[in-house]
PDB file of all heavy atoms in Angstrom:
ATOM      1  N   SER A   1      24.054  -0.031  23.736  1.00  0.00           N
ATOM      2  CA  SER A   1      23.865  -1.237  24.550  1.00  0.00           C
ATOM      3  C   SER A   1      23.802  -2.487  23.675  1.00  0.00           C
ATOM      4  O   SER A   1      24.244  -3.562  24.086  1.00  0.00           O
ATOM      5  CB  SER A   1      22.602  -1.125  25.406  1.00  0.00           C
ATOM      6  OG  SER A   1      21.456  -1.025  24.587  1.00  0.00           O
ATOM      7  N   SER A   2      23.275  -2.357  22.462  1.00  0.00           N
ATOM      8  CA  SER A   2      23.140  -3.520  21.584  1.00  0.00           C
ATOM      9  C   SER A   2      24.487  -4.034  21.103  1.00  0.00           C
ATOM     10  O   SER A   2      24.616  -5.204  20.745  1.00  0.00           O
ATOM     11  CB  SER A   2      22.246  -3.188  20.388  1.00  0.00           C
ATOM     12  OG  SER A   2      22.899  -2.301  19.508  1.00  0.00           O
ATOM     13  N   LYS A   3      25.503  -3.191  21.118  1.00  0.00           N
ATOM     14  CA  LYS A   3      26.817  -3.589  20.608  1.00  0.00           C
ATOM     15  C   LYS A   3      27.544  -4.549  21.539  1.00  0.00           C
ATOM     16  O   LYS A   3      28.563  -5.120  21.174  1.00  0.00           O
ATOM     17  CB  LYS A   3      27.657  -2.350  20.328  1.00  0.00           C
ATOM     18  CG  LYS A   3      27.103  -1.522  19.179  1.00  0.00           C
ATOM     19  CD  LYS A   3      27.941  -0.305  18.902  1.00  0.00           C
ATOM     20  CE  LYS A   3      27.349   0.511  17.764  1.00  0.00           C
ATOM     21  NZ  LYS A   3      28.145   1.704  17.475  1.00  0.00           N
ATOM     22  N   LYS A   4      26.999  -4.767  22.731  1.00  0.00           N
ATOM     23  CA  LYS A   4      27.571  -5.771  23.641  1.00  0.00           C
ATOM     24  C   LYS A   4      27.316  -7.182  23.119  1.00  0.00           C
ATOM     25  O   LYS A   4      28.032  -8.110  23.458  1.00  0.00           O
ATOM     26  CB  LYS A   4      26.965  -5.643  25.042  1.00  0.00           C
ATOM     27  CG  LYS A   4      27.330  -4.376  25.755  1.00  0.00           C
ATOM     28  CD  LYS A   4      26.634  -4.323  27.104  1.00  0.00           C
ATOM     29  CE  LYS A   4      26.890  -2.995  27.781  1.00  0.00           C
ATOM     30  NZ  LYS A   4      26.104  -2.876  29.022  1.00  0.00           N
ATOM     31  N   GLY A   5      26.278  -7.334  22.316  1.00  0.00           N
ATOM     32  CA  GLY A   5      25.930  -8.626  21.743  1.00  0.00           C
ATOM     33  C   GLY A   5      26.415  -8.718  20.310  1.00  0.00           C
ATOM     34  O   GLY A   5      26.964  -7.767  19.757  1.00  0.00           O
ATOM     35  N   TRP A   6      26.177  -9.866  19.690  1.00  0.00           N
ATOM     36  CA  TRP A   6      26.643 -10.061  18.314  1.00  0.00           C
ATOM     37  C   TRP A   6      25.549  -9.826  17.279  1.00  0.00           C
ATOM     38  O   TRP A   6      25.804  -9.916  16.078  1.00  0.00           O
ATOM     39  CB  TRP A   6      27.252 -11.458  18.143  1.00  0.00           C
ATOM     40  CG  TRP A   6      26.290 -12.578  18.297  1.00  0.00           C
ATOM     41  CD1 TRP A   6      25.966 -13.218  19.459  1.00  0.00           C
ATOM     42  CD2 TRP A   6      25.519 -13.212  17.276  1.00  0.00           C
ATOM     43  NE1 TRP A   6      25.033 -14.193  19.220  1.00  0.00           N
ATOM     44  CE2 TRP A   6      24.740 -14.222  17.881  1.00  0.00           C
ATOM     45  CE3 TRP A   6      25.398 -13.024  15.898  1.00  0.00           C
ATOM     46  CZ2 TRP A   6      23.869 -15.036  17.170  1.00  0.00           C
ATOM     47  CZ3 TRP A   6      24.534 -13.833  15.192  1.00  0.00           C
ATOM     48  CH2 TRP A   6      23.778 -14.823  15.819  1.00  0.00           C
ATOM     49  N   THR A   7      24.331  -9.496  17.709  1.00  0.00           N
ATOM     50  CA  THR A   7      23.229  -9.365  16.757  1.00  0.00           C
ATOM     51  C   THR A   7      22.733  -7.926  16.599  1.00  0.00           C
ATOM     52  O   THR A   7      21.628  -7.697  16.158  1.00  0.00           O
ATOM     53  CB  THR A   7      22.040 -10.257  17.163  1.00  0.00           C
ATOM     54  OG1 THR A   7      21.566  -9.813  18.429  1.00  0.00           O
ATOM     55  CG2 THR A   7      22.444 -11.703  17.223  1.00  0.00           C
ATOM     56  N   SER A   8      23.540  -6.967  16.920  1.00  0.00           N
ATOM     57  CA  SER A   8      23.137  -5.560  16.879  1.00  0.00           C
ATOM     58  C   SER A   8      22.849  -5.082  15.454  1.00  0.00           C
ATOM     59  O   SER A   8      23.499  -5.485  14.498  1.00  0.00           O
ATOM     60  CB  SER A   8      24.261  -4.698  17.477  1.00  0.00           C
ATOM     61  OG  SER A   8      23.977  -3.333  17.323  1.00  0.00           O
ATOM     62  N   GLU A   9      21.861  -4.206  15.350  1.00  0.00           N
ATOM     63  CA  GLU A   9      21.582  -3.501  14.091  1.00  0.00           C
ATOM     64  C   GLU A   9      22.043  -2.047  14.170  1.00  0.00           C
ATOM     65  O   GLU A   9      21.769  -1.258  13.277  1.00  0.00           O
ATOM     66  CB  GLU A   9      20.069  -3.488  13.815  1.00  0.00           C
ATOM     67  CG  GLU A   9      19.446  -4.811  13.564  1.00  0.00           C
ATOM     68  CD  GLU A   9      17.941  -4.725  13.371  1.00  0.00           C
ATOM     69  OE1 GLU A   9      17.324  -3.703  13.713  1.00  0.00           O
ATOM     70  OE2 GLU A   9      17.376  -5.712  12.874  1.00  0.00           O
ATOM     71  N   ALA A  10      22.733  -1.692  15.253  1.00  0.00           N
ATOM     72  CA  ALA A  10      23.056  -0.289  15.531  1.00  0.00           C
ATOM     73  C   ALA A  10      23.849   0.376  14.412  1.00  0.00           C
ATOM     74  O   ALA A  10      23.715   1.586  14.206  1.00  0.00           O
ATOM     75  CB  ALA A  10      23.808  -0.172  16.854  1.00  0.00           C
ATOM     76  N   ASP A  11      24.680  -0.359  13.684  1.00  0.00           N
ATOM     77  CA  ASP A  11      25.455   0.243  12.599  1.00  0.00           C
ATOM     78  C   ASP A  11      24.635   0.396  11.320  1.00  0.00           C
ATOM     79  O   ASP A  11      25.058   1.079  10.399  1.00  0.00           O
ATOM     80  CB  ASP A  11      26.706  -0.585  12.321  1.00  0.00           C
ATOM     81  CG  ASP A  11      27.683  -0.547  13.489  1.00  0.00           C
ATOM     82  OD1 ASP A  11      27.685   0.455  14.230  1.00  0.00           O
ATOM     83  OD2 ASP A  11      28.423  -1.528  13.665  1.00  0.00           O
ATOM     84  N   LEU A  12      23.467  -0.246  11.271  1.00  0.00           N
ATOM     85  CA  LEU A  12      22.612  -0.188  10.085  1.00  0.00           C
ATOM     86  C   LEU A  12      21.419   0.740  10.248  1.00  0.00           C
ATOM     87  O   LEU A  12      20.915   1.287   9.273  1.00  0.00           O
ATOM     88  CB  LEU A  12      22.083  -1.594   9.746  1.00  0.00           C
ATOM     89  CG  LEU A  12      23.120  -2.672   9.468  1.00  0.00           C
ATOM     90  CD1 LEU A  12      22.440  -4.029   9.338  1.00  0.00           C
ATOM     91  CD2 LEU A  12      23.900  -2.337   8.209  1.00  0.00           C
ATOM     92  N   LEU A  13      20.955   0.882  11.502  1.00  0.00           N
ATOM     93  CA  LEU A  13      19.719   1.620  11.766  1.00  0.00           C
ATOM     94  C   LEU A  13      19.828   2.425  13.050  1.00  0.00           C
ATOM     95  O   LEU A  13      20.349   1.942  14.053  1.00  0.00           O
ATOM     96  CB  LEU A  13      18.547   0.644  11.938  1.00  0.00           C
ATOM     97  CG  LEU A  13      18.096  -0.107  10.705  1.00  0.00           C
ATOM     98  CD1 LEU A  13      17.469  -1.432  11.088  1.00  0.00           C
ATOM     99  CD2 LEU A  13      17.117   0.740   9.932  1.00  0.00           C
ATOM    100  N   GLY A  14      19.293   3.621  13.012  1.00  0.00           N
ATOM    101  CA  GLY A  14      19.123   4.414  14.216  1.00  0.00           C
ATOM    102  C   GLY A  14      17.660   4.379  14.612  1.00  0.00           C
ATOM    103  O   GLY A  14      16.835   3.720  13.984  1.00  0.00           O
ATOM    104  N   GLY A  15      17.340   5.093  15.673  1.00  0.00           N
ATOM    105  CA  GLY A  15      15.953   5.148  16.122  1.00  0.00           C
ATOM    106  C   GLY A  15      15.588   3.917  16.911  1.00  0.00           C
ATOM    107  O   GLY A  15      16.431   3.104  17.285  1.00  0.00           O
ATOM    108  N   LEU A  16      14.308   3.756  17.158  1.00  0.00           N
ATOM    109  CA  LEU A  16      13.804   2.649  17.951  1.00  0.00           C
ATOM    110  C   LEU A  16      13.463   1.447  17.073  1.00  0.00           C
ATOM    111  O   LEU A  16      13.110   1.607  15.905  1.00  0.00           O
ATOM    112  CB  LEU A  16      12.559   3.067  18.725  1.00  0.00           C
ATOM    113  CG  LEU A  16      12.745   4.163  19.769  1.00  0.00           C
ATOM    114  CD1 LEU A  16      11.405   4.545  20.381  1.00  0.00           C
ATOM    115  CD2 LEU A  16      13.722   3.718  20.848  1.00  0.00           C
ATOM    116  N   ARG A  17      13.501   0.256  17.643  1.00  0.00           N
ATOM    117  CA  ARG A  17      13.084  -0.965  16.948  1.00  0.00           C
ATOM    118  C   ARG A  17      11.579  -1.162  17.085  1.00  0.00           C
ATOM    119  O   ARG A  17      10.915  -1.672  16.202  1.00  0.00           O
ATOM    120  CB  ARG A  17      13.858  -2.155  17.534  1.00  0.00           C
ATOM    121  CG  ARG A  17      13.400  -3.534  17.078  1.00  0.00           C
ATOM    122  CD  ARG A  17      13.627  -3.736  15.594  1.00  0.00           C
ATOM    123  NE  ARG A  17      13.411  -5.106  15.184  1.00  0.00           N
ATOM    124  CZ  ARG A  17      12.212  -5.671  14.994  1.00  0.00           C
ATOM    125  NH1 ARG A  17      11.121  -4.999  15.208  1.00  0.00           N
ATOM    126  NH2 ARG A  17      12.129  -6.917  14.589  1.00  0.00           N
ATOM    127  N   THR A  18      11.026  -0.758  18.228  1.00  0.00           N
ATOM    128  CA  THR A  18       9.595  -0.886  18.483  1.00  0.00           C
ATOM    129  C   THR A  18       9.212   0.093  19.576  1.00  0.00           C
ATOM    130  O   THR A  18      10.052   0.825  20.091  1.00  0.00           O
ATOM    131  CB  THR A  18       9.222  -2.341  18.868  1.00  0.00           C
ATOM    132  OG1 THR A  18       7.808  -2.494  18.787  1.00  0.00           O
ATOM    133  CG2 THR A  18       9.725  -2.719  20.240  1.00  0.00           C
ATOM    134  N   ASP A  19       7.939   0.116  19.929  1.00  0.00           N
ATOM    135  CA  ASP A  19       7.475   0.908  21.074  1.00  0.00           C
ATOM    136  C   ASP A  19       6.312   0.165  21.725  1.00  0.00           C
ATOM    137  O   ASP A  19       5.844  -0.857  21.214  1.00  0.00           O
ATOM    138  CB  ASP A  19       7.100   2.338  20.676  1.00  0.00           C
ATOM    139  CG  ASP A  19       5.984   2.434  19.658  1.00  0.00           C
ATOM    140  OD1 ASP A  19       5.073   1.559  19.663  1.00  0.00           O
ATOM    141  OD2 ASP A  19       5.982   3.376  18.857  1.00  0.00           O
ATOM    142  N   GLU A  20       5.863   0.665  22.853  1.00  0.00           N
ATOM    143  CA  GLU A  20       4.812  -0.036  23.596  1.00  0.00           C
ATOM    144  C   GLU A  20       3.513  -0.142  22.809  1.00  0.00           C
ATOM    145  O   GLU A  20       2.835  -1.173  22.875  1.00  0.00           O
ATOM    146  CB  GLU A  20       4.583   0.629  24.954  1.00  0.00           C
ATOM    147  CG  GLU A  20       5.747   0.399  25.899  1.00  0.00           C
ATOM    148  CD  GLU A  20       5.497   0.891  27.318  1.00  0.00           C
ATOM    149  OE1 GLU A  20       4.315   1.074  27.693  1.00  0.00           O
ATOM    150  OE2 GLU A  20       6.483   1.074  28.050  1.00  0.00           O
ATOM    151  N   ASP A  21       3.170   0.892  22.053  1.00  0.00           N
ATOM    152  CA  ASP A  21       1.932   0.831  21.264  1.00  0.00           C
ATOM    153  C   ASP A  21       2.008  -0.263  20.196  1.00  0.00           C
ATOM    154  O   ASP A  21       1.034  -0.994  19.981  1.00  0.00           O
ATOM    155  CB  ASP A  21       1.639   2.182  20.600  1.00  0.00           C
ATOM    156  CG  ASP A  21       1.195   3.235  21.602  1.00  0.00           C
ATOM    157  OD1 ASP A  21       0.734   2.863  22.700  1.00  0.00           O
ATOM    158  OD2 ASP A  21       1.316   4.434  21.277  1.00  0.00           O
ATOM    159  N   ALA A  22       3.151  -0.371  19.527  1.00  0.00           N
ATOM    160  CA  ALA A  22       3.309  -1.404  18.496  1.00  0.00           C
ATOM    161  C   ALA A  22       3.228  -2.798  19.125  1.00  0.00           C
ATOM    162  O   ALA A  22       2.582  -3.702  18.575  1.00  0.00           O
ATOM    163  CB  ALA A  22       4.632  -1.224  17.761  1.00  0.00           C
ATOM    164  N   LEU A  23       3.864  -2.964  20.276  1.00  0.00           N
ATOM    165  CA  LEU A  23       3.808  -4.264  20.959  1.00  0.00           C
ATOM    166  C   LEU A  23       2.382  -4.601  21.389  1.00  0.00           C
ATOM    167  O   LEU A  23       1.932  -5.743  21.246  1.00  0.00           O
ATOM    168  CB  LEU A  23       4.748  -4.267  22.160  1.00  0.00           C
ATOM    169  CG  LEU A  23       6.238  -4.262  21.811  1.00  0.00           C
ATOM    170  CD1 LEU A  23       7.077  -3.872  23.021  1.00  0.00           C
ATOM    171  CD2 LEU A  23       6.680  -5.603  21.253  1.00  0.00           C
ATOM    172  N   ARG A  24       1.667  -3.615  21.877  1.00  0.00           N
ATOM    173  CA  ARG A  24       0.272  -3.827  22.290  1.00  0.00           C
ATOM    174  C   ARG A  24      -0.574  -4.250  21.088  1.00  0.00           C
ATOM    175  O   ARG A  24      -1.376  -5.185  21.169  1.00  0.00           O
ATOM    176  CB  ARG A  24      -0.281  -2.557  22.932  1.00  0.00           C
ATOM    177  CG  ARG A  24      -1.621  -2.738  23.625  1.00  0.00           C
ATOM    178  CD  ARG A  24      -1.995  -1.528  24.478  1.00  0.00           C
ATOM    179  NE  ARG A  24      -1.120  -1.426  25.652  1.00  0.00           N
ATOM    180  CZ  ARG A  24      -0.101  -0.552  25.782  1.00  0.00           C
ATOM    181  NH1 ARG A  24       0.163   0.307  24.833  1.00  0.00           N
ATOM    182  NH2 ARG A  24       0.633  -0.544  26.865  1.00  0.00           N
ATOM    183  N   THR A  25      -0.379  -3.577  19.961  1.00  0.00           N
ATOM    184  CA  THR A  25      -1.102  -3.920  18.739  1.00  0.00           C
ATOM    185  C   THR A  25      -0.790  -5.351  18.308  1.00  0.00           C
ATOM    186  O   THR A  25      -1.690  -6.100  17.911  1.00  0.00           O
ATOM    187  CB  THR A  25      -0.762  -2.928  17.610  1.00  0.00           C
ATOM    188  OG1 THR A  25      -1.170  -1.618  18.019  1.00  0.00           O
ATOM    189  CG2 THR A  25      -1.450  -3.290  16.311  1.00  0.00           C
ATOM    190  N   MET A  26       0.490  -5.747  18.409  1.00  0.00           N
ATOM    191  CA  MET A  26       0.864  -7.123  18.065  1.00  0.00           C
ATOM    192  C   MET A  26       0.091  -8.109  18.933  1.00  0.00           C
ATOM    193  O   MET A  26      -0.481  -9.078  18.431  1.00  0.00           O
ATOM    194  CB  MET A  26       2.369  -7.337  18.284  1.00  0.00           C
ATOM    195  CG  MET A  26       3.259  -6.631  17.307  1.00  0.00           C
ATOM    196  SD  MET A  26       4.998  -6.883  17.793  1.00  0.00           S
ATOM    197  CE  MET A  26       5.771  -5.537  16.895  1.00  0.00           C
ATOM    198  N   LEU A  27       0.071  -7.861  20.236  1.00  0.00           N
ATOM    199  CA  LEU A  27      -0.576  -8.798  21.161  1.00  0.00           C
ATOM    200  C   LEU A  27      -2.091  -8.839  21.010  1.00  0.00           C
ATOM    201  O   LEU A  27      -2.717  -9.825  21.391  1.00  0.00           O
ATOM    202  CB  LEU A  27      -0.206  -8.458  22.610  1.00  0.00           C
ATOM    203  CG  LEU A  27       1.234  -8.774  23.016  1.00  0.00           C
ATOM    204  CD1 LEU A  27       1.498  -8.332  24.443  1.00  0.00           C
ATOM    205  CD2 LEU A  27       1.551 -10.249  22.845  1.00  0.00           C
ATOM    206  N   GLU A  28      -2.675  -7.796  20.443  1.00  0.00           N
ATOM    207  CA  GLU A  28      -4.125  -7.778  20.217  1.00  0.00           C
ATOM    208  C   GLU A  28      -4.538  -8.654  19.036  1.00  0.00           C
ATOM    209  O   GLU A  28      -5.700  -9.011  18.896  1.00  0.00           O
ATOM    210  CB  GLU A  28      -4.608  -6.343  20.001  1.00  0.00           C
ATOM    211  CG  GLU A  28      -4.565  -5.512  21.274  1.00  0.00           C
ATOM    212  CD  GLU A  28      -4.827  -4.029  21.038  1.00  0.00           C
ATOM    213  OE1 GLU A  28      -4.925  -3.594  19.865  1.00  0.00           O
ATOM    214  OE2 GLU A  28      -4.906  -3.298  22.041  1.00  0.00           O
ATOM    215  N   ASN A  29      -3.593  -9.004  18.176  1.00  0.00           N
ATOM    216  CA  ASN A  29      -3.876  -9.838  17.014  1.00  0.00           C
ATOM    217  C   ASN A  29      -4.027 -11.290  17.478  1.00  0.00           C
ATOM    218  O   ASN A  29      -3.091 -11.862  18.042  1.00  0.00           O
ATOM    219  CB  ASN A  29      -2.733  -9.713  15.998  1.00  0.00           C
ATOM    220  CG  ASN A  29      -2.964 -10.516  14.737  1.00  0.00           C
ATOM    221  OD1 ASN A  29      -3.721 -11.484  14.710  1.00  0.00           O
ATOM    222  ND2 ASN A  29      -2.280 -10.122  13.677  1.00  0.00           N
ATOM    223  N   PRO A  30      -5.174 -11.922  17.245  1.00  0.00           N
ATOM    224  CA  PRO A  30      -5.379 -13.295  17.722  1.00  0.00           C
ATOM    225  C   PRO A  30      -4.457 -14.317  17.063  1.00  0.00           C
ATOM    226  O   PRO A  30      -4.307 -15.424  17.573  1.00  0.00           O
ATOM    227  CB  PRO A  30      -6.847 -13.580  17.389  1.00  0.00           C
ATOM    228  CG  PRO A  30      -7.198 -12.605  16.327  1.00  0.00           C
ATOM    229  CD  PRO A  30      -6.342 -11.395  16.540  1.00  0.00           C
ATOM    230  N   ASN A  31      -3.834 -13.967  15.946  1.00  0.00           N
ATOM    231  CA  ASN A  31      -2.915 -14.882  15.264  1.00  0.00           C
ATOM    232  C   ASN A  31      -1.472 -14.736  15.734  1.00  0.00           C
ATOM    233  O   ASN A  31      -0.581 -15.407  15.214  1.00  0.00           O
ATOM    234  CB  ASN A  31      -2.973 -14.665  13.752  1.00  0.00           C
ATOM    235  CG  ASN A  31      -4.338 -14.985  13.196  1.00  0.00           C
ATOM    236  OD1 ASN A  31      -4.981 -15.940  13.627  1.00  0.00           O
ATOM    237  ND2 ASN A  31      -4.801 -14.179  12.261  1.00  0.00           N
ATOM    238  N   VAL A  32      -1.243 -13.832  16.685  1.00  0.00           N
ATOM    239  CA  VAL A  32       0.118 -13.520  17.143  1.00  0.00           C
ATOM    240  C   VAL A  32       0.345 -14.017  18.558  1.00  0.00           C
ATOM    241  O   VAL A  32      -0.517 -13.872  19.432  1.00  0.00           O
ATOM    242  CB  VAL A  32       0.380 -11.994  17.071  1.00  0.00           C
ATOM    243  CG1 VAL A  32       1.670 -11.617  17.791  1.00  0.00           C
ATOM    244  CG2 VAL A  32       0.430 -11.530  15.625  1.00  0.00           C
ATOM    245  N   THR A  33       1.529 -14.581  18.757  1.00  0.00           N
ATOM    246  CA  THR A  33       2.031 -14.907  20.085  1.00  0.00           C
ATOM    247  C   THR A  33       3.437 -14.337  20.173  1.00  0.00           C
ATOM    248  O   THR A  33       4.228 -14.501  19.238  1.00  0.00           O
ATOM    249  CB  THR A  33       2.104 -16.435  20.300  1.00  0.00           C
ATOM    250  OG1 THR A  33       0.803 -16.984  20.162  1.00  0.00           O
ATOM    251  CG2 THR A  33       2.662 -16.769  21.679  1.00  0.00           C
ATOM    252  N   ILE A  34       3.741 -13.665  21.254  1.00  0.00           N
ATOM    253  CA  ILE A  34       5.117 -13.296  21.545  1.00  0.00           C
ATOM    254  C   ILE A  34       5.539 -14.162  22.717  1.00  0.00           C
ATOM    255  O   ILE A  34       4.991 -14.048  23.814  1.00  0.00           O
ATOM    256  CB  ILE A  34       5.271 -11.798  21.883  1.00  0.00           C
ATOM    257  CG1 ILE A  34       4.843 -10.934  20.696  1.00  0.00           C
ATOM    258  CG2 ILE A  34       6.728 -11.496  22.272  1.00  0.00           C
ATOM    259  CD1 ILE A  34       4.874  -9.430  20.959  1.00  0.00           C
ATOM    260  N   LEU A  35       6.459 -15.085  22.442  1.00  0.00           N
ATOM    261  CA  LEU A  35       6.977 -15.921  23.509  1.00  0.00           C
ATOM    262  C   LEU A  35       8.042 -15.154  24.275  1.00  0.00           C
ATOM    263  O   LEU A  35       8.875 -14.473  23.674  1.00  0.00           O
ATOM    264  CB  LEU A  35       7.592 -17.209  22.952  1.00  0.00           C
ATOM    265  CG  LEU A  35       6.639 -18.223  22.336  1.00  0.00           C
ATOM    266  CD1 LEU A  35       7.436 -19.404  21.787  1.00  0.00           C
ATOM    267  CD2 LEU A  35       5.603 -18.694  23.345  1.00  0.00           C
ATOM    268  N   THR A  36       8.023 -15.269  25.594  1.00  0.00           N
ATOM    269  CA  THR A  36       9.043 -14.641  26.429  1.00  0.00           C
ATOM    270  C   THR A  36       9.889 -15.722  27.083  1.00  0.00           C
ATOM    271  O   THR A  36       9.403 -16.810  27.408  1.00  0.00           O
ATOM    272  CB  THR A  36       8.420 -13.761  27.530  1.00  0.00           C
ATOM    273  OG1 THR A  36       7.606 -14.569  28.379  1.00  0.00           O
ATOM    274  CG2 THR A  36       7.599 -12.626  26.930  1.00  0.00           C
ATOM    275  N   TYR A  37      11.164 -15.415  27.268  1.00  0.00           N
ATOM    276  CA  TYR A  37      12.092 -16.291  27.966  1.00  0.00           C
ATOM    277  C   TYR A  37      12.506 -15.566  29.234  1.00  0.00           C
ATOM    278  O   TYR A  37      13.088 -14.481  29.178  1.00  0.00           O
ATOM    279  CB  TYR A  37      13.315 -16.569  27.087  1.00  0.00           C
ATOM    280  CG  TYR A  37      14.362 -17.439  27.750  1.00  0.00           C
ATOM    281  CD1 TYR A  37      14.468 -18.782  27.422  1.00  0.00           C
ATOM    282  CD2 TYR A  37      15.247 -16.920  28.684  1.00  0.00           C
ATOM    283  CE1 TYR A  37      15.428 -19.589  28.021  1.00  0.00           C
ATOM    284  CE2 TYR A  37      16.203 -17.721  29.282  1.00  0.00           C
ATOM    285  CZ  TYR A  37      16.293 -19.045  28.944  1.00  0.00           C
ATOM    286  OH  TYR A  37      17.242 -19.846  29.540  1.00  0.00           O
ATOM    287  N   LYS A  38      12.178 -16.157  30.377  1.00  0.00           N
ATOM    288  CA  LYS A  38      12.511 -15.546  31.653  1.00  0.00           C
ATOM    289  C   LYS A  38      13.327 -16.514  32.501  1.00  0.00           C
ATOM    290  O   LYS A  38      13.009 -17.701  32.567  1.00  0.00           O
ATOM    291  CB  LYS A  38      11.244 -15.140  32.410  1.00  0.00           C
ATOM    292  CG  LYS A  38      10.449 -14.059  31.702  1.00  0.00           C
ATOM    293  CD  LYS A  38       9.201 -13.667  32.477  1.00  0.00           C
ATOM    294  CE  LYS A  38       8.424 -12.595  31.721  1.00  0.00           C
ATOM    295  NZ  LYS A  38       7.210 -12.199  32.442  1.00  0.00           N
ATOM    296  N   GLU A  39      14.350 -15.985  33.126  1.00  0.00           N
ATOM    297  CA  GLU A  39      15.130 -16.721  34.119  1.00  0.00           C
ATOM    298  C   GLU A  39      14.898 -16.037  35.449  1.00  0.00           C
ATOM    299  O   GLU A  39      15.144 -14.827  35.572  1.00  0.00           O
ATOM    300  CB  GLU A  39      16.622 -16.697  33.788  1.00  0.00           C
ATOM    301  CG  GLU A  39      17.034 -17.690  32.740  1.00  0.00           C
ATOM    302  CD  GLU A  39      18.547 -17.736  32.524  1.00  0.00           C
ATOM    303  OE1 GLU A  39      19.316 -17.207  33.354  1.00  0.00           O
ATOM    304  OE2 GLU A  39      18.940 -18.300  31.500  1.00  0.00           O
ATOM    305  N   SER A  40      14.433 -16.801  36.414  1.00  0.00           N
ATOM    306  CA  SER A  40      14.129 -16.252  37.743  1.00  0.00           C
ATOM    307  C   SER A  40      13.300 -14.973  37.623  1.00  0.00           C
ATOM    308  O   SER A  40      13.584 -13.957  38.254  1.00  0.00           O
ATOM    309  CB  SER A  40      15.411 -16.006  38.525  1.00  0.00           C
ATOM    310  OG  SER A  40      16.125 -17.210  38.677  1.00  0.00           O
ATOM    311  N   ASN A  41      12.310 -15.028  36.736  1.00  0.00           N
ATOM    312  CA  ASN A  41      11.363 -13.932  36.511  1.00  0.00           C
ATOM    313  C   ASN A  41      11.986 -12.692  35.872  1.00  0.00           C
ATOM    314  O   ASN A  41      11.396 -11.614  35.889  1.00  0.00           O
ATOM    315  CB  ASN A  41      10.633 -13.563  37.806  1.00  0.00           C
ATOM    316  CG  ASN A  41       9.148 -13.427  37.566  1.00  0.00           C
ATOM    317  OD1 ASN A  41       8.615 -13.933  36.585  1.00  0.00           O
ATOM    318  ND2 ASN A  41       8.474 -12.736  38.474  1.00  0.00           N
ATOM    319  N   HIS A  42      13.184 -12.813  35.318  1.00  0.00           N
ATOM    320  CA  HIS A  42      13.850 -11.700  34.629  1.00  0.00           C
ATOM    321  C   HIS A  42      13.804 -11.966  33.122  1.00  0.00           C
ATOM    322  O   HIS A  42      14.284 -13.002  32.655  1.00  0.00           O
ATOM    323  CB  HIS A  42      15.297 -11.570  35.117  1.00  0.00           C
ATOM    324  CG  HIS A  42      16.047 -10.453  34.480  1.00  0.00           C
ATOM    325  ND1 HIS A  42      15.756  -9.127  34.703  1.00  0.00           N
ATOM    326  CD2 HIS A  42      17.075 -10.478  33.599  1.00  0.00           C
ATOM    327  CE1 HIS A  42      16.575  -8.380  33.992  1.00  0.00           C
ATOM    328  NE2 HIS A  42      17.377  -9.161  33.312  1.00  0.00           N
TER     329      HIS A  42
END
């Protein structure tokens, strides 16, 4: 699916980029913000 875009790492790396636990840990850090971009709530 990543190969539809121009920024894919699929030819360099297999496996997952992240998982829900890692994202949760990131958000628990008070020095971290993950900004989201949503169009019509998507």
